[in-house]
Amino acid sequence: MAITINSNDMDINLEWTDGVAGTGSDVTITATDLKILLNDLISIESWLIGALAGKMNNCKKRLLDEHRATYFADAAVNTDDEVIAAVFAADGYQTRAERDAAESA
């Protein structure tokens, strides 16, 4: 059995091997784990999509809370979408992974 979620050019694949699902990282879902999840969830896919949507909303809110005042001081930036674009276009912008790598270097 395989579960594939494809949304906006992102694939998440769970492959079953000997009754265990793996994602290629450190997450393993056993057959019993799946039964436990499906006791409460309609489907793994619908829950995962909802969890991703919620996480994206929370990350967007934090990004805007952190940068809105700075960029709204710029007359060329008038909307949240423009704030987000300005943050990503700023010299020296780093993703979380890049910031973490820089801190541990």
Protein backbone atom coordinates (compact mmCIF):
# COMPACT_ATOMS: atom_id res chain seq x y z
CA MET A 1 0.00 0.00 0.00
CA ALA A 2 1.24 3.50 -0.77
CA ILE A 3 -0.17 6.90 0.09
CA THR A 4 0.88 9.73 -2.19
CA ILE A 5 -0.12 13.32 -1.60
CA ASN A 6 0.53 15.66 -4.50
CA SER A 7 -0.36 19.28 -3.97
CA ASN A 8 1.26 22.28 -5.62
CA ASP A 9 4.14 20.24 -7.04
CA MET A 10 5.01 18.63 -3.70
CA ASP A 11 4.87 14.86 -3.36
CA ILE A 12 4.79 13.08 -0.02
CA ASN A 13 5.04 9.33 -0.36
CA LEU A 14 4.47 6.72 2.31
CA GLU A 15 5.50 3.25 1.19
CA TRP A 16 4.53 0.06 3.01
CA THR A 17 7.26 -2.53 3.55
CA ASP A 18 6.50 -5.56 5.70
CA GLY A 19 3.56 -3.81 7.39
CA VAL A 20 5.52 -0.64 8.17
CA ALA A 21 5.16 2.72 6.43
CA GLY A 22 8.25 4.82 5.96
CA THR A 23 8.79 8.28 4.49
CA GLY A 24 12.51 7.93 3.89
CA SER A 25 13.21 9.91 7.04
CA ASP A 26 12.87 8.98 10.69
CA VAL A 27 9.07 8.57 10.71
CA THR A 28 7.75 5.03 10.83
CA ILE A 29 4.08 4.08 11.00
CA THR A 30 3.36 0.45 11.82
CA ALA A 31 0.18 -1.33 10.81
CA THR A 32 -1.04 -0.93 14.40
CA ASP A 33 -0.19 2.79 14.33
CA LEU A 34 -2.26 3.14 11.17
CA LYS A 35 -5.24 1.41 12.80
CA ILE A 36 -4.92 3.74 15.81
CA LEU A 37 -4.82 6.82 13.56
CA LEU A 38 -7.77 5.66 11.47
CA ASN A 39 -9.78 5.11 14.65
CA ASP A 40 -9.97 8.93 14.92
CA LEU A 41 -9.15 10.23 11.44
CA ILE A 42 -11.23 9.96 8.28
CA SER A 43 -8.02 9.54 6.29
CA ILE A 44 -4.31 10.14 6.76
CA GLU A 45 -4.32 12.27 3.60
CA SER A 46 -7.10 14.63 4.74
CA TRP A 47 -5.47 15.05 8.16
CA LEU A 48 -2.04 15.68 6.65
CA ILE A 49 -3.40 18.27 4.21
CA GLY A 50 -5.22 20.00 7.08
CA ALA A 51 -2.09 19.92 9.24
CA LEU A 52 0.02 21.39 6.42
CA ALA A 53 -2.55 24.11 5.76
CA GLY A 54 -2.63 25.00 9.46
CA LYS A 55 1.17 25.08 9.67
CA MET A 56 1.39 27.30 6.58
CA ASN A 57 -1.14 29.72 8.09
CA ASN A 58 0.78 29.84 11.39
CA CYS A 59 4.12 30.43 9.62
CA LYS A 60 2.60 33.17 7.48
CA LYS A 61 1.10 34.86 10.54
CA ARG A 62 4.47 34.77 12.37
CA LEU A 63 6.33 36.11 9.31
CA LEU A 64 3.87 38.98 8.93
CA ASP A 65 3.86 39.76 12.66
CA GLU A 66 7.66 39.95 12.58
CA HIS A 67 8.02 42.05 9.41
CA ARG A 68 4.78 43.97 8.76
CA ALA A 69 5.72 47.14 10.67
CA THR A 70 9.14 47.35 9.04
CA TYR A 71 7.91 46.96 5.48
CA PHE A 72 4.72 49.01 5.86
CA ALA A 73 7.03 51.94 6.67
CA ASP A 74 8.06 51.66 2.99
CA ALA A 75 5.50 53.49 0.82
CA ALA A 76 6.00 50.91 -1.94
CA VAL A 77 4.70 48.11 0.31
CA ASN A 78 0.96 48.24 0.97
CA THR A 79 -0.32 44.66 1.31
CA ASP A 80 0.59 41.51 3.19
CA ASP A 81 1.55 39.85 -0.11
CA GLU A 82 3.95 42.73 -0.79
CA VAL A 83 5.42 42.36 2.72
CA ILE A 84 6.03 38.65 2.07
CA ALA A 85 7.63 39.37 -1.32
CA ALA A 86 9.86 42.04 0.25
CA VAL A 87 11.01 39.69 3.02
CA PHE A 88 12.04 37.02 0.50
CA ALA A 89 13.70 39.59 -1.79
CA ALA A 90 15.73 41.23 0.98
CA ASP A 91 19.50 40.97 0.79
CA GLY A 92 20.67 38.35 3.24
CA TYR A 93 17.31 36.55 3.54
CA GLN A 94 17.85 33.01 4.82
CA THR A 95 15.50 30.08 5.25
CA ARG A 96 15.23 28.40 8.65
CA ALA A 97 17.65 25.66 7.56
CA GLU A 98 20.17 28.28 6.41
CA ARG A 99 19.84 30.24 9.68
CA ASP A 100 20.31 27.07 11.74
CA ALA A 101 23.37 26.07 9.68
CA ALA A 102 24.88 29.54 10.12
CA GLU A 103 24.33 29.39 13.90
CA SER A 104 25.99 26.00 14.24
CA ALA A 105 28.96 26.92 12.04
